Amino acid sequence: MLRVRPSANQSSSHRHALDAESERQLVRIWWTTPCSLRQLAREFRVSHMTVYRLVQTAARPQ
């Protein structure tokens, strides 16, 4: 199996973890604007499945 080492400016994981504030902001934007999951994923540099999971588990902000 061929293994490729990441370059110095590239992490070994493609995941970009969101902090709690970013998660709250993402969910708020989802509920208050007509953004798609993919648009939010690009904006926050995460996968669209990450966005999907967040909006499925988060309550609608008051």
PDB file of N, CA and C in Angstrom:
ATOM      1  N   MET A   1       0.838  -1.183   0.000  1.00  0.00           N
ATOM      2  CA  MET A   1       0.000   0.000   0.000  1.00  0.00           C
ATOM      3  C   MET A   1       0.886   1.251   0.000  1.00  0.00           C
ATOM      4  N   LEU A   2       0.594   2.175  -0.861  1.00  0.00           N
ATOM      5  CA  LEU A   2       1.347   3.411  -0.972  1.00  0.00           C
ATOM      6  C   LEU A   2       0.827   4.408   0.054  1.00  0.00           C
ATOM      7  N   ARG A   3       1.734   4.955   0.836  1.00  0.00           N
ATOM      8  CA  ARG A   3       1.342   5.950   1.828  1.00  0.00           C
ATOM      9  C   ARG A   3       1.947   7.280   1.436  1.00  0.00           C
ATOM     10  N   VAL A   4       1.152   8.293   1.440  1.00  0.00           N
ATOM     11  CA  VAL A   4       1.605   9.627   1.079  1.00  0.00           C
ATOM     12  C   VAL A   4       1.693  10.457   2.344  1.00  0.00           C
ATOM     13  N   ARG A   5       2.847  11.053   2.555  1.00  0.00           N
ATOM     14  CA  ARG A   5       3.021  11.902   3.726  1.00  0.00           C
ATOM     15  C   ARG A   5       2.484  13.290   3.422  1.00  0.00           C
ATOM     16  N   PRO A   6       1.797  13.896   4.380  1.00  0.00           N
ATOM     17  CA  PRO A   6       1.304  15.258   4.151  1.00  0.00           C
ATOM     18  C   PRO A   6       2.455  16.254   4.093  1.00  0.00           C
ATOM     19  N   SER A   7       2.274  17.298   3.341  1.00  0.00           N
ATOM     20  CA  SER A   7       3.302  18.330   3.270  1.00  0.00           C
ATOM     21  C   SER A   7       3.312  19.101   4.592  1.00  0.00           C
ATOM     22  N   ALA A   8       4.270  19.975   4.743  1.00  0.00           N
ATOM     23  CA  ALA A   8       4.432  20.704   6.000  1.00  0.00           C
ATOM     24  C   ALA A   8       3.221  21.562   6.345  1.00  0.00           C
ATOM     25  N   ASN A   9       2.535  22.085   5.337  1.00  0.00           N
ATOM     26  CA  ASN A   9       1.381  22.949   5.597  1.00  0.00           C
ATOM     27  C   ASN A   9       0.058  22.209   5.467  1.00  0.00           C
ATOM     28  N   GLN A  10       0.084  20.905   5.442  1.00  0.00           N
ATOM     29  CA  GLN A  10      -1.127  20.111   5.301  1.00  0.00           C
ATOM     30  C   GLN A  10      -1.163  19.103   6.439  1.00  0.00           C
ATOM     31  N   SER A  11      -2.275  19.054   7.150  1.00  0.00           N
ATOM     32  CA  SER A  11      -2.367  18.094   8.247  1.00  0.00           C
ATOM     33  C   SER A  11      -2.629  16.708   7.696  1.00  0.00           C
ATOM     34  N   SER A  12      -2.428  15.705   8.519  1.00  0.00           N
ATOM     35  CA  SER A  12      -2.655  14.336   8.079  1.00  0.00           C
ATOM     36  C   SER A  12      -4.136  14.009   8.014  1.00  0.00           C
ATOM     37  N   SER A  13      -4.955  14.822   8.615  1.00  0.00           N
ATOM     38  CA  SER A  13      -6.401  14.608   8.600  1.00  0.00           C
ATOM     39  C   SER A  13      -7.059  15.721   7.792  1.00  0.00           C
ATOM     40  N   HIS A  14      -8.112  15.374   7.099  1.00  0.00           N
ATOM     41  CA  HIS A  14      -8.835  16.387   6.332  1.00  0.00           C
ATOM     42  C   HIS A  14      -9.931  17.042   7.156  1.00  0.00           C
ATOM     43  N   ARG A  15     -10.084  16.613   8.384  1.00  0.00           N
ATOM     44  CA  ARG A  15     -11.123  17.168   9.237  1.00  0.00           C
ATOM     45  C   ARG A  15     -10.717  18.536   9.756  1.00  0.00           C
ATOM     46  N   HIS A  16     -11.671  19.398   9.854  1.00  0.00           N
ATOM     47  CA  HIS A  16     -11.478  20.703  10.464  1.00  0.00           C
ATOM     48  C   HIS A  16     -12.502  20.803  11.580  1.00  0.00           C
ATOM     49  N   ALA A  17     -12.060  20.574  12.779  1.00  0.00           N
ATOM     50  CA  ALA A  17     -12.980  20.582  13.912  1.00  0.00           C
ATOM     51  C   ALA A  17     -13.503  21.998  14.142  1.00  0.00           C
ATOM     52  N   LEU A  18     -14.753  22.071  14.490  1.00  0.00           N
ATOM     53  CA  LEU A  18     -15.364  23.357  14.809  1.00  0.00           C
ATOM     54  C   LEU A  18     -15.408  23.520  16.321  1.00  0.00           C
ATOM     55  N   ASP A  19     -15.100  24.722  16.779  1.00  0.00           N
ATOM     56  CA  ASP A  19     -15.256  24.970  18.203  1.00  0.00           C
ATOM     57  C   ASP A  19     -16.733  25.246  18.486  1.00  0.00           C
ATOM     58  N   ALA A  20     -17.083  25.330  19.746  1.00  0.00           N
ATOM     59  CA  ALA A  20     -18.487  25.476  20.147  1.00  0.00           C
ATOM     60  C   ALA A  20     -19.114  26.740  19.556  1.00  0.00           C
ATOM     61  N   GLU A  21     -18.363  27.826  19.539  1.00  0.00           N
ATOM     62  CA  GLU A  21     -18.897  29.079  18.997  1.00  0.00           C
ATOM     63  C   GLU A  21     -19.185  28.953  17.505  1.00  0.00           C
ATOM     64  N   SER A  22     -18.292  28.320  16.764  1.00  0.00           N
ATOM     65  CA  SER A  22     -18.497  28.118  15.325  1.00  0.00           C
ATOM     66  C   SER A  22     -19.708  27.224  15.073  1.00  0.00           C
ATOM     67  N   GLU A  23     -19.886  26.202  15.905  1.00  0.00           N
ATOM     68  CA  GLU A  23     -21.057  25.335  15.763  1.00  0.00           C
ATOM     69  C   GLU A  23     -22.337  26.124  15.969  1.00  0.00           C
ATOM     70  N   ARG A  24     -22.369  26.958  17.012  1.00  0.00           N
ATOM     71  CA  ARG A  24     -23.557  27.797  17.273  1.00  0.00           C
ATOM     72  C   ARG A  24     -23.824  28.738  16.103  1.00  0.00           C
ATOM     73  N   GLN A  25     -22.762  29.337  15.581  1.00  0.00           N
ATOM     74  CA  GLN A  25     -22.895  30.267  14.462  1.00  0.00           C
ATOM     75  C   GLN A  25     -23.426  29.540  13.223  1.00  0.00           C
ATOM     76  N   LEU A  26     -22.889  28.361  12.942  1.00  0.00           N
ATOM     77  CA  LEU A  26     -23.325  27.579  11.786  1.00  0.00           C
ATOM     78  C   LEU A  26     -24.814  27.239  11.899  1.00  0.00           C
ATOM     79  N   VAL A  27     -25.240  26.773  13.065  1.00  0.00           N
ATOM     80  CA  VAL A  27     -26.648  26.407  13.266  1.00  0.00           C
ATOM     81  C   VAL A  27     -27.545  27.635  13.132  1.00  0.00           C
ATOM     82  N   ARG A  28     -27.103  28.765  13.694  1.00  0.00           N
ATOM     83  CA  ARG A  28     -27.897  29.999  13.587  1.00  0.00           C
ATOM     84  C   ARG A  28     -28.058  30.418  12.134  1.00  0.00           C
ATOM     85  N   ILE A  29     -26.971  30.355  11.364  1.00  0.00           N
ATOM     86  CA  ILE A  29     -27.040  30.710   9.944  1.00  0.00           C
ATOM     87  C   ILE A  29     -27.979  29.759   9.207  1.00  0.00           C
ATOM     88  N   TRP A  30     -27.897  28.466   9.526  1.00  0.00           N
ATOM     89  CA  TRP A  30     -28.766  27.474   8.877  1.00  0.00           C
ATOM     90  C   TRP A  30     -30.241  27.838   9.060  1.00  0.00           C
ATOM     91  N   TRP A  31     -30.609  28.214  10.291  1.00  0.00           N
ATOM     92  CA  TRP A  31     -32.021  28.478  10.582  1.00  0.00           C
ATOM     93  C   TRP A  31     -32.481  29.866  10.140  1.00  0.00           C
ATOM     94  N   THR A  32     -31.576  30.804   9.910  1.00  0.00           N
ATOM     95  CA  THR A  32     -31.998  32.171   9.622  1.00  0.00           C
ATOM     96  C   THR A  32     -31.743  32.630   8.193  1.00  0.00           C
ATOM     97  N   THR A  33     -31.047  31.834   7.387  1.00  0.00           N
ATOM     98  CA  THR A  33     -30.777  32.226   6.009  1.00  0.00           C
ATOM     99  C   THR A  33     -31.067  31.057   5.071  1.00  0.00           C
ATOM    100  N   PRO A  34     -31.254  31.328   3.801  1.00  0.00           N
ATOM    101  CA  PRO A  34     -31.511  30.243   2.845  1.00  0.00           C
ATOM    102  C   PRO A  34     -30.222  29.608   2.300  1.00  0.00           C
ATOM    103  N   CYS A  35     -29.319  29.195   3.194  1.00  0.00           N
ATOM    104  CA  CYS A  35     -28.062  28.554   2.787  1.00  0.00           C
ATOM    105  C   CYS A  35     -28.254  27.050   2.676  1.00  0.00           C
ATOM    106  N   SER A  36     -27.540  26.454   1.744  1.00  0.00           N
ATOM    107  CA  SER A  36     -27.552  24.996   1.633  1.00  0.00           C
ATOM    108  C   SER A  36     -26.496  24.410   2.564  1.00  0.00           C
ATOM    109  N   LEU A  37     -26.605  23.105   2.813  1.00  0.00           N
ATOM    110  CA  LEU A  37     -25.602  22.415   3.620  1.00  0.00           C
ATOM    111  C   LEU A  37     -24.218  22.572   2.998  1.00  0.00           C
ATOM    112  N   ARG A  38     -24.154  22.430   1.695  1.00  0.00           N
ATOM    113  CA  ARG A  38     -22.857  22.531   1.016  1.00  0.00           C
ATOM    114  C   ARG A  38     -22.274  23.944   1.089  1.00  0.00           C
ATOM    115  N   GLN A  39     -23.123  24.956   1.013  1.00  0.00           N
ATOM    116  CA  GLN A  39     -22.618  26.326   1.152  1.00  0.00           C
ATOM    117  C   GLN A  39     -22.012  26.539   2.536  1.00  0.00           C
ATOM    118  N   LEU A  40     -22.708  26.062   3.556  1.00  0.00           N
ATOM    119  CA  LEU A  40     -22.187  26.195   4.915  1.00  0.00           C
ATOM    120  C   LEU A  40     -20.912  25.381   5.092  1.00  0.00           C
ATOM    121  N   ALA A  41     -20.877  24.202   4.505  1.00  0.00           N
ATOM    122  CA  ALA A  41     -19.681  23.360   4.606  1.00  0.00           C
ATOM    123  C   ALA A  41     -18.471  24.080   4.016  1.00  0.00           C
ATOM    124  N   ARG A  42     -18.648  24.703   2.863  1.00  0.00           N
ATOM    125  CA  ARG A  42     -17.542  25.448   2.248  1.00  0.00           C
ATOM    126  C   ARG A  42     -17.132  26.624   3.132  1.00  0.00           C
ATOM    127  N   GLU A  43     -18.104  27.341   3.643  1.00  0.00           N
ATOM    128  CA  GLU A  43     -17.829  28.519   4.469  1.00  0.00           C
ATOM    129  C   GLU A  43     -17.052  28.153   5.740  1.00  0.00           C
ATOM    130  N   PHE A  44     -17.427  27.049   6.360  1.00  0.00           N
ATOM    131  CA  PHE A  44     -16.801  26.648   7.620  1.00  0.00           C
ATOM    132  C   PHE A  44     -15.691  25.620   7.438  1.00  0.00           C
ATOM    133  N   ARG A  45     -15.427  25.253   6.177  1.00  0.00           N
ATOM    134  CA  ARG A  45     -14.343  24.323   5.846  1.00  0.00           C
ATOM    135  C   ARG A  45     -14.493  22.972   6.533  1.00  0.00           C
ATOM    136  N   VAL A  46     -15.706  22.435   6.446  1.00  0.00           N
ATOM    137  CA  VAL A  46     -16.001  21.095   6.948  1.00  0.00           C
ATOM    138  C   VAL A  46     -16.785  20.359   5.871  1.00  0.00           C
ATOM    139  N   SER A  47     -17.022  19.081   6.070  1.00  0.00           N
ATOM    140  CA  SER A  47     -17.800  18.328   5.086  1.00  0.00           C
ATOM    141  C   SER A  47     -19.285  18.653   5.218  1.00  0.00           C
ATOM    142  N   HIS A  48     -20.023  18.402   4.151  1.00  0.00           N
ATOM    143  CA  HIS A  48     -21.466  18.661   4.227  1.00  0.00           C
ATOM    144  C   HIS A  48     -22.127  17.706   5.220  1.00  0.00           C
ATOM    145  N   MET A  49     -21.531  16.527   5.436  1.00  0.00           N
ATOM    146  CA  MET A  49     -22.078  15.601   6.435  1.00  0.00           C
ATOM    147  C   MET A  49     -21.880  16.137   7.851  1.00  0.00           C
ATOM    148  N   THR A  50     -20.800  16.848   8.093  1.00  0.00           N
ATOM    149  CA  THR A  50     -20.598  17.478   9.397  1.00  0.00           C
ATOM    150  C   THR A  50     -21.689  18.505   9.645  1.00  0.00           C
ATOM    151  N   VAL A  51     -21.980  19.312   8.638  1.00  0.00           N
ATOM    152  CA  VAL A  51     -23.045  20.310   8.761  1.00  0.00           C
ATOM    153  C   VAL A  51     -24.383  19.613   8.983  1.00  0.00           C
ATOM    154  N   TYR A  52     -24.649  18.570   8.217  1.00  0.00           N
ATOM    155  CA  TYR A  52     -25.902  17.819   8.349  1.00  0.00           C
ATOM    156  C   TYR A  52     -26.079  17.303   9.775  1.00  0.00           C
ATOM    157  N   ARG A  53     -25.033  16.691  10.321  1.00  0.00           N
ATOM    158  CA  ARG A  53     -25.119  16.151  11.679  1.00  0.00           C
ATOM    159  C   ARG A  53     -25.373  17.247  12.702  1.00  0.00           C
ATOM    160  N   LEU A  54     -24.721  18.384  12.523  1.00  0.00           N
ATOM    161  CA  LEU A  54     -24.919  19.490  13.461  1.00  0.00           C
ATOM    162  C   LEU A  54     -26.353  20.003  13.436  1.00  0.00           C
ATOM    163  N   VAL A  55     -26.891  20.234  12.248  1.00  0.00           N
ATOM    164  CA  VAL A  55     -28.240  20.798  12.186  1.00  0.00           C
ATOM    165  C   VAL A  55     -29.302  19.772  12.572  1.00  0.00           C
ATOM    166  N   GLN A  56     -29.000  18.480  12.434  1.00  0.00           N
ATOM    167  CA  GLN A  56     -29.948  17.451  12.851  1.00  0.00           C
ATOM    168  C   GLN A  56     -30.000  17.319  14.367  1.00  0.00           C
ATOM    169  N   THR A  57     -28.894  17.559  15.034  1.00  0.00           N
ATOM    170  CA  THR A  57     -28.858  17.370  16.486  1.00  0.00           C
ATOM    171  C   THR A  57     -29.080  18.658  17.264  1.00  0.00           C
ATOM    172  N   ALA A  58     -28.965  19.789  16.612  1.00  0.00           N
ATOM    173  CA  ALA A  58     -29.112  21.071  17.307  1.00  0.00           C
ATOM    174  C   ALA A  58     -30.561  21.536  17.308  1.00  0.00           C
ATOM    175  N   ALA A  59     -30.939  22.155  18.406  1.00  0.00           N
ATOM    176  CA  ALA A  59     -32.278  22.728  18.498  1.00  0.00           C
ATOM    177  C   ALA A  59     -32.315  24.048  17.735  1.00  0.00           C
ATOM    178  N   ARG A  60     -33.490  24.405  17.265  1.00  0.00           N
ATOM    179  CA  ARG A  60     -33.647  25.689  16.588  1.00  0.00           C
ATOM    180  C   ARG A  60     -33.388  26.807  17.571  1.00  0.00           C
ATOM    181  N   PRO A  61     -32.498  27.757  17.222  1.00  0.00           N
ATOM    182  CA  PRO A  61     -32.195  28.852  18.155  1.00  0.00           C
ATOM    183  C   PRO A  61     -33.404  29.737  18.397  1.00  0.00           C
ATOM    184  N   GLN A  62     -33.478  30.273  19.580  1.00  0.00           N
ATOM    185  CA  GLN A  62     -34.616  31.145  19.963  1.00  0.00           C
ATOM    186  C   GLN A  62     -34.413  32.556  19.469  1.00  0.00           C
TER     187      GLN A  62
END
